[in-house]
Amino acid sequence: MYRKNCEKCNRPSFGSSEFGKWFCPLCGNDLTERPFFDANTLERIHVKTFPRKRILQNYQKI
């Protein structure tokens, strides 16, 4: 589980996906470009996201 901190309302937002848009549930601020943190330890996670099209192409090669 991931956590992102909203710089607008200073509240945490939790989620489980690295993909897609991420909005603060309280104020609606776009958190997509904000860094990921581990929800339990609060350590920063360096998630390397790949475009969805590239991931799907890799699965089709099998």
N, C-alpha and C. Protein backbone atom coordinates (compact mmCIF):
# COMPACT_ATOMS: atom_id res chain seq x y z
N MET A 1 0.85 -1.17 0.00
CA MET A 1 0.00 0.00 0.00
C MET A 1 0.90 1.23 0.00
N TYR A 2 0.48 2.23 -0.75
CA TYR A 2 1.25 3.46 -0.90
C TYR A 2 0.54 4.63 -0.23
N ARG A 3 1.35 5.62 0.07
CA ARG A 3 0.84 6.85 0.66
C ARG A 3 1.47 8.02 -0.09
N LYS A 4 0.66 9.03 -0.35
CA LYS A 4 1.14 10.30 -0.90
C LYS A 4 0.60 11.40 -0.01
N ASN A 5 1.40 12.43 0.16
CA ASN A 5 1.00 13.55 1.01
C ASN A 5 0.57 14.72 0.14
N CYS A 6 -0.58 15.28 0.45
CA CYS A 6 -1.10 16.43 -0.29
C CYS A 6 -0.46 17.70 0.25
N GLU A 7 0.13 18.48 -0.66
CA GLU A 7 0.76 19.74 -0.23
C GLU A 7 -0.26 20.85 -0.04
N LYS A 8 -1.47 20.65 -0.55
CA LYS A 8 -2.51 21.68 -0.43
C LYS A 8 -3.23 21.63 0.92
N CYS A 9 -3.68 20.42 1.33
CA CYS A 9 -4.42 20.30 2.59
C CYS A 9 -3.61 19.60 3.69
N ASN A 10 -2.37 19.18 3.36
CA ASN A 10 -1.47 18.52 4.31
C ASN A 10 -2.05 17.25 4.92
N ARG A 11 -2.80 16.49 4.13
CA ARG A 11 -3.39 15.22 4.58
C ARG A 11 -2.82 14.08 3.74
N PRO A 12 -2.74 12.89 4.31
CA PRO A 12 -2.26 11.74 3.53
C PRO A 12 -3.37 11.16 2.65
N SER A 13 -2.95 10.56 1.57
CA SER A 13 -3.85 9.84 0.67
C SER A 13 -3.25 8.46 0.45
N PHE A 14 -4.07 7.41 0.49
CA PHE A 14 -3.58 6.04 0.39
C PHE A 14 -4.12 5.37 -0.86
N GLY A 15 -3.29 4.50 -1.45
CA GLY A 15 -3.70 3.76 -2.63
C GLY A 15 -2.80 2.55 -2.84
N SER A 16 -3.17 1.70 -3.79
CA SER A 16 -2.40 0.48 -4.02
C SER A 16 -1.88 0.35 -5.45
N SER A 17 -2.01 1.38 -6.26
CA SER A 17 -1.59 1.29 -7.65
C SER A 17 -0.58 2.38 -7.99
N GLU A 18 0.39 2.01 -8.84
CA GLU A 18 1.36 2.99 -9.33
C GLU A 18 0.87 3.69 -10.58
N PHE A 19 -0.20 3.18 -11.18
CA PHE A 19 -0.68 3.68 -12.46
C PHE A 19 -1.88 4.60 -12.30
N GLY A 20 -2.08 5.44 -13.30
CA GLY A 20 -3.26 6.28 -13.34
C GLY A 20 -3.12 7.56 -12.54
N LYS A 21 -4.14 8.37 -12.63
CA LYS A 21 -4.18 9.63 -11.90
C LYS A 21 -4.44 9.37 -10.42
N TRP A 22 -3.93 10.26 -9.59
CA TRP A 22 -4.10 10.12 -8.15
C TRP A 22 -4.54 11.49 -7.62
N PHE A 23 -5.75 11.55 -7.07
CA PHE A 23 -6.29 12.79 -6.55
C PHE A 23 -6.49 12.68 -5.05
N CYS A 24 -6.30 13.79 -4.35
CA CYS A 24 -6.55 13.84 -2.91
C CYS A 24 -8.06 13.67 -2.69
N PRO A 25 -8.46 12.74 -1.83
CA PRO A 25 -9.90 12.53 -1.61
C PRO A 25 -10.56 13.67 -0.84
N LEU A 26 -9.77 14.51 -0.17
CA LEU A 26 -10.36 15.59 0.62
C LEU A 26 -10.50 16.89 -0.17
N CYS A 27 -9.43 17.30 -0.85
CA CYS A 27 -9.49 18.60 -1.54
C CYS A 27 -9.49 18.48 -3.06
N GLY A 28 -9.23 17.28 -3.61
CA GLY A 28 -9.25 17.09 -5.05
C GLY A 28 -7.97 17.47 -5.76
N ASN A 29 -6.92 17.80 -5.03
CA ASN A 29 -5.64 18.17 -5.62
C ASN A 29 -5.03 16.98 -6.36
N ASP A 30 -4.39 17.23 -7.51
CA ASP A 30 -3.77 16.16 -8.30
C ASP A 30 -2.43 15.78 -7.66
N LEU A 31 -2.33 14.53 -7.19
CA LEU A 31 -1.12 14.03 -6.53
C LEU A 31 -0.32 13.08 -7.42
N THR A 32 -0.65 13.02 -8.69
CA THR A 32 -0.04 12.05 -9.59
C THR A 32 1.48 12.15 -9.62
N GLU A 33 2.02 13.34 -9.62
CA GLU A 33 3.47 13.52 -9.71
C GLU A 33 4.17 13.57 -8.35
N ARG A 34 3.44 13.46 -7.29
CA ARG A 34 4.03 13.48 -5.94
C ARG A 34 4.73 12.16 -5.66
N PRO A 35 5.74 12.14 -4.78
CA PRO A 35 6.46 10.89 -4.49
C PRO A 35 5.61 9.90 -3.70
N PHE A 36 5.94 8.61 -3.86
CA PHE A 36 5.28 7.52 -3.14
C PHE A 36 5.99 7.28 -1.82
N PHE A 37 5.23 6.93 -0.79
CA PHE A 37 5.79 6.52 0.50
C PHE A 37 5.14 5.20 0.90
N ASP A 38 5.89 4.38 1.63
CA ASP A 38 5.31 3.16 2.19
C ASP A 38 4.31 3.57 3.26
N ALA A 39 3.12 3.01 3.21
CA ALA A 39 2.05 3.42 4.14
C ALA A 39 2.37 3.06 5.58
N ASN A 40 3.17 2.00 5.81
CA ASN A 40 3.48 1.58 7.18
C ASN A 40 4.73 2.24 7.75
N THR A 41 5.79 2.29 6.95
CA THR A 41 7.07 2.78 7.46
C THR A 41 7.33 4.25 7.12
N LEU A 42 6.56 4.80 6.20
CA LEU A 42 6.71 6.18 5.71
C LEU A 42 8.03 6.42 4.99
N GLU A 43 8.70 5.33 4.56
CA GLU A 43 9.92 5.46 3.77
C GLU A 43 9.55 5.76 2.33
N ARG A 44 10.36 6.59 1.69
CA ARG A 44 10.09 6.94 0.30
C ARG A 44 10.36 5.73 -0.60
N ILE A 45 9.47 5.50 -1.54
CA ILE A 45 9.60 4.40 -2.48
C ILE A 45 9.83 5.00 -3.86
N HIS A 46 10.88 4.54 -4.51
CA HIS A 46 11.18 5.02 -5.86
C HIS A 46 10.55 4.07 -6.85
N VAL A 47 9.34 4.38 -7.24
CA VAL A 47 8.58 3.54 -8.16
C VAL A 47 8.93 3.97 -9.57
N LYS A 48 9.41 3.01 -10.35
CA LYS A 48 9.70 3.28 -11.76
C LYS A 48 8.51 2.78 -12.56
N THR A 49 7.69 3.70 -13.00
CA THR A 49 6.50 3.31 -13.75
C THR A 49 6.79 3.30 -15.24
N PHE A 50 6.26 2.33 -15.91
CA PHE A 50 6.39 2.21 -17.35
C PHE A 50 5.04 2.48 -17.99
N PRO A 51 5.06 2.98 -19.20
CA PRO A 51 3.78 3.18 -19.89
C PRO A 51 3.02 1.86 -20.01
N ARG A 52 1.73 1.91 -19.83
CA ARG A 52 0.89 0.70 -19.86
C ARG A 52 1.03 -0.04 -21.19
N LYS A 53 1.17 0.69 -22.29
CA LYS A 53 1.31 0.06 -23.60
C LYS A 53 2.57 -0.79 -23.65
N ARG A 54 3.66 -0.29 -23.08
CA ARG A 54 4.92 -1.04 -23.08
C ARG A 54 4.80 -2.31 -22.24
N ILE A 55 4.12 -2.24 -21.11
CA ILE A 55 3.93 -3.41 -20.26
C ILE A 55 3.12 -4.47 -21.00
N LEU A 56 2.05 -4.05 -21.67
CA LEU A 56 1.22 -5.00 -22.41
C LEU A 56 1.99 -5.65 -23.55
N GLN A 57 2.87 -4.89 -24.20
CA GLN A 57 3.68 -5.45 -25.28
C GLN A 57 4.63 -6.52 -24.74
N ASN A 58 5.18 -6.32 -23.56
CA ASN A 58 6.08 -7.30 -22.96
C ASN A 58 5.35 -8.60 -22.65
N TYR A 59 4.11 -8.53 -22.22
CA TYR A 59 3.34 -9.74 -21.93
C TYR A 59 2.97 -10.49 -23.21
N GLN A 60 2.80 -9.78 -24.30
CA GLN A 60 2.43 -10.41 -25.56
C GLN A 60 3.59 -11.18 -26.18
N LYS A 61 4.82 -10.89 -25.78
CA LYS A 61 5.99 -11.56 -26.34
C LYS A 61 6.13 -12.99 -25.85
N ILE A 62 5.46 -13.33 -24.78
CA ILE A 62 5.60 -14.67 -24.19
C ILE A 62 4.94 -15.72 -25.03
